[in-house]
Amino acid sequence: MLDLIAQLDVDVVIPGHGAPFTDVARALGIASSRLDYLRADPVRNAKNALKVLIVFKLIEARAMTLDVLSAMTHAARCMRVADALAVESGHRASLEKMIGELAKSGAVKVENETVSIA
């Protein structure tokens, strides 16, 4: 897919999030590097997928408790598969670690037991 995008004659990219940009070659290089990084380690890829799914759910719901997030990851098949690969020390501990990483990156906020979109 990135190869197809690279063939387009683009002056400006207006992404779904982030600022518009003009350096398409640089953006494609970063995207390709990121894909290589995730492809190299299935567990890393699963953790990334689970974090992305959690953030998208929080965009929809705005806020959820850790208990609800935990139940949701068990209820959705794609999240169970990613979670099964990503879990290091039990589901809840793994989920809390991922939520902590998302909070550190600024993607989510955590107050008490409630996680919300940042």
C-alpha atoms as a PDB file:
ATOM      1  CA  MET A   1       0.000   0.000   0.000  1.00  0.00           C
ATOM      2  CA  LEU A   2       2.810   2.433   0.790  1.00  0.00           C
ATOM      3  CA  ASP A   3       4.282   1.699  -2.647  1.00  0.00           C
ATOM      4  CA  LEU A   4       1.006   2.774  -4.255  1.00  0.00           C
ATOM      5  CA  ILE A   5       0.927   5.972  -2.224  1.00  0.00           C
ATOM      6  CA  ALA A   6       4.539   6.693  -3.212  1.00  0.00           C
ATOM      7  CA  GLN A   7       3.491   6.684  -6.883  1.00  0.00           C
ATOM      8  CA  LEU A   8       1.007   9.527  -6.394  1.00  0.00           C
ATOM      9  CA  ASP A   9       1.931  13.083  -7.336  1.00  0.00           C
ATOM     10  CA  VAL A  10       1.199  14.743  -3.981  1.00  0.00           C
ATOM     11  CA  ASP A  11       1.845  18.348  -3.008  1.00  0.00           C
ATOM     12  CA  VAL A  12       0.189  18.388   0.426  1.00  0.00           C
ATOM     13  CA  VAL A  13      -1.129  15.634   2.693  1.00  0.00           C
ATOM     14  CA  ILE A  14      -3.976  16.442   5.060  1.00  0.00           C
ATOM     15  CA  PRO A  15      -4.039  13.439   7.414  1.00  0.00           C
ATOM     16  CA  GLY A  16      -6.922  12.261   9.576  1.00  0.00           C
ATOM     17  CA  HIS A  17      -4.973  13.477  12.597  1.00  0.00           C
ATOM     18  CA  GLY A  18      -1.958  15.717  12.945  1.00  0.00           C
ATOM     19  CA  ALA A  19      -0.925  18.721  10.913  1.00  0.00           C
ATOM     20  CA  PRO A  20      -0.847  18.833   7.106  1.00  0.00           C
ATOM     21  CA  PHE A  21       2.594  18.147   5.608  1.00  0.00           C
ATOM     22  CA  THR A  22       4.426  18.225   2.293  1.00  0.00           C
ATOM     23  CA  ASP A  23       7.376  15.847   2.792  1.00  0.00           C
ATOM     24  CA  VAL A  24       5.634  12.692   1.565  1.00  0.00           C
ATOM     25  CA  ALA A  25       8.867  10.749   1.039  1.00  0.00           C
ATOM     26  CA  ARG A  26       9.888  11.303   4.669  1.00  0.00           C
ATOM     27  CA  ALA A  27       6.426  10.306   5.944  1.00  0.00           C
ATOM     28  CA  LEU A  28       6.467   7.131   3.838  1.00  0.00           C
ATOM     29  CA  GLY A  29       9.946   6.295   5.160  1.00  0.00           C
ATOM     30  CA  ILE A  30       8.751   6.684   8.747  1.00  0.00           C
ATOM     31  CA  ALA A  31       5.648   4.575   8.059  1.00  0.00           C
ATOM     32  CA  SER A  32       7.715   1.846   6.391  1.00  0.00           C
ATOM     33  CA  SER A  33      10.186   1.815   9.277  1.00  0.00           C
ATOM     34  CA  ARG A  34       7.344   1.558  11.797  1.00  0.00           C
ATOM     35  CA  LEU A  35       5.809  -1.375   9.918  1.00  0.00           C
ATOM     36  CA  ASP A  36       9.181  -3.148   9.812  1.00  0.00           C
ATOM     37  CA  TYR A  37       9.580  -2.559  13.567  1.00  0.00           C
ATOM     38  CA  LEU A  38       6.155  -4.078  14.337  1.00  0.00           C
ATOM     39  CA  ARG A  39       6.551  -6.947  11.844  1.00  0.00           C
ATOM     40  CA  ALA A  40       9.832  -7.998  13.465  1.00  0.00           C
ATOM     41  CA  ASP A  41       8.193  -8.976  16.767  1.00  0.00           C
ATOM     42  CA  PRO A  42       4.674 -10.490  16.896  1.00  0.00           C
ATOM     43  CA  VAL A  43       4.333  -9.762  20.624  1.00  0.00           C
ATOM     44  CA  ARG A  44       5.278  -6.105  20.110  1.00  0.00           C
ATOM     45  CA  ASN A  45       2.790  -5.960  17.228  1.00  0.00           C
ATOM     46  CA  ALA A  46       0.034  -7.497  19.394  1.00  0.00           C
ATOM     47  CA  LYS A  47       0.692  -5.007  22.205  1.00  0.00           C
ATOM     48  CA  ASN A  48       0.548  -2.139  19.729  1.00  0.00           C
ATOM     49  CA  ALA A  49      -2.695  -3.463  18.233  1.00  0.00           C
ATOM     50  CA  LEU A  50      -4.279  -3.786  21.673  1.00  0.00           C
ATOM     51  CA  LYS A  51      -3.250  -0.240  22.621  1.00  0.00           C
ATOM     52  CA  VAL A  52      -4.693   1.129  19.368  1.00  0.00           C
ATOM     53  CA  LEU A  53      -7.973  -0.740  19.901  1.00  0.00           C
ATOM     54  CA  ILE A  54      -8.202   0.586  23.478  1.00  0.00           C
ATOM     55  CA  VAL A  55      -7.619   4.167  22.328  1.00  0.00           C
ATOM     56  CA  PHE A  56     -10.230   3.858  19.566  1.00  0.00           C
ATOM     57  CA  LYS A  57     -12.752   2.495  22.077  1.00  0.00           C
ATOM     58  CA  LEU A  58     -11.972   5.388  24.419  1.00  0.00           C
ATOM     59  CA  ILE A  59     -12.494   7.863  21.575  1.00  0.00           C
ATOM     60  CA  GLU A  60     -15.980   6.394  21.232  1.00  0.00           C
ATOM     61  CA  ALA A  61     -16.798   5.990  24.937  1.00  0.00           C
ATOM     62  CA  ARG A  62     -14.758   8.980  26.225  1.00  0.00           C
ATOM     63  CA  ALA A  63     -14.028   7.216  29.557  1.00  0.00           C
ATOM     64  CA  MET A  64     -14.157   3.711  31.032  1.00  0.00           C
ATOM     65  CA  THR A  65     -13.095   2.107  34.268  1.00  0.00           C
ATOM     66  CA  LEU A  66     -10.240  -0.373  34.243  1.00  0.00           C
ATOM     67  CA  ASP A  67     -12.765  -3.097  35.130  1.00  0.00           C
ATOM     68  CA  VAL A  68     -14.877  -2.250  32.070  1.00  0.00           C
ATOM     69  CA  LEU A  69     -11.787  -2.104  29.843  1.00  0.00           C
ATOM     70  CA  SER A  70     -10.696  -5.468  31.187  1.00  0.00           C
ATOM     71  CA  ALA A  71     -14.097  -7.003  30.470  1.00  0.00           C
ATOM     72  CA  MET A  72     -14.157  -5.424  27.016  1.00  0.00           C
ATOM     73  CA  THR A  73     -10.796  -6.913  26.038  1.00  0.00           C
ATOM     74  CA  HIS A  74     -12.133 -10.352  26.965  1.00  0.00           C
ATOM     75  CA  ALA A  75     -15.443  -9.826  25.133  1.00  0.00           C
ATOM     76  CA  ALA A  76     -14.034  -8.747  21.750  1.00  0.00           C
ATOM     77  CA  ARG A  77     -12.418 -11.602  19.806  1.00  0.00           C
ATOM     78  CA  CYS A  78      -9.741  -9.472  18.123  1.00  0.00           C
ATOM     79  CA  MET A  79      -8.786  -7.989  21.491  1.00  0.00           C
ATOM     80  CA  ARG A  80      -8.609 -11.466  23.086  1.00  0.00           C
ATOM     81  CA  VAL A  81      -6.212 -12.598  20.355  1.00  0.00           C
ATOM     82  CA  ALA A  82      -3.990  -9.516  20.752  1.00  0.00           C
ATOM     83  CA  ASP A  83      -4.230  -9.797  24.531  1.00  0.00           C
ATOM     84  CA  ALA A  84      -3.252 -13.480  24.466  1.00  0.00           C
ATOM     85  CA  LEU A  85      -0.052 -12.576  22.641  1.00  0.00           C
ATOM     86  CA  ALA A  86       0.675  -9.445  24.667  1.00  0.00           C
ATOM     87  CA  VAL A  87      -0.010 -10.593  28.229  1.00  0.00           C
ATOM     88  CA  GLU A  88       3.160 -10.831  30.282  1.00  0.00           C
ATOM     89  CA  SER A  89       2.009 -11.261  33.873  1.00  0.00           C
ATOM     90  CA  GLY A  90      -1.738 -11.770  33.935  1.00  0.00           C
ATOM     91  CA  HIS A  91      -4.446  -9.934  32.077  1.00  0.00           C
ATOM     92  CA  ARG A  92      -5.102  -7.128  34.557  1.00  0.00           C
ATOM     93  CA  ALA A  93      -1.414  -6.393  35.170  1.00  0.00           C
ATOM     94  CA  SER A  94      -0.727  -6.389  31.434  1.00  0.00           C
ATOM     95  CA  LEU A  95      -3.698  -4.091  30.783  1.00  0.00           C
ATOM     96  CA  GLU A  96      -2.595  -1.687  33.522  1.00  0.00           C
ATOM     97  CA  LYS A  97       0.927  -1.626  32.066  1.00  0.00           C
ATOM     98  CA  MET A  98      -0.415  -0.816  28.582  1.00  0.00           C
ATOM     99  CA  ILE A  99      -2.715   1.872  29.980  1.00  0.00           C
ATOM    100  CA  GLY A 100       0.296   3.319  31.845  1.00  0.00           C
ATOM    101  CA  GLU A 101       2.283   3.422  28.602  1.00  0.00           C
ATOM    102  CA  LEU A 102      -0.633   5.104  26.818  1.00  0.00           C
ATOM    103  CA  ALA A 103      -0.888   7.650  29.643  1.00  0.00           C
ATOM    104  CA  LYS A 104       2.850   8.340  29.491  1.00  0.00           C
ATOM    105  CA  SER A 105       2.581   8.977  25.746  1.00  0.00           C
ATOM    106  CA  GLY A 106      -0.300  11.396  26.333  1.00  0.00           C
ATOM    107  CA  ALA A 107      -2.912   9.285  24.516  1.00  0.00           C
ATOM    108  CA  VAL A 108      -5.061   8.699  27.620  1.00  0.00           C
ATOM    109  CA  LYS A 109      -5.562  10.097  31.111  1.00  0.00           C
ATOM    110  CA  VAL A 110      -5.983   7.981  34.231  1.00  0.00           C
ATOM    111  CA  GLU A 111      -7.764   9.266  37.320  1.00  0.00           C
ATOM    112  CA  ASN A 112      -8.343   6.719  40.080  1.00  0.00           C
ATOM    113  CA  GLU A 113      -9.721   3.677  38.234  1.00  0.00           C
ATOM    114  CA  THR A 114     -11.073   5.615  35.240  1.00  0.00           C
ATOM    115  CA  VAL A 115      -9.287   5.870  31.910  1.00  0.00           C
ATOM    116  CA  SER A 116     -10.298   8.585  29.470  1.00  0.00           C
ATOM    117  CA  ILE A 117      -9.130   9.887  26.151  1.00  0.00           C
ATOM    118  CA  ALA A 118      -6.604  12.712  26.539  1.00  0.00           C
END
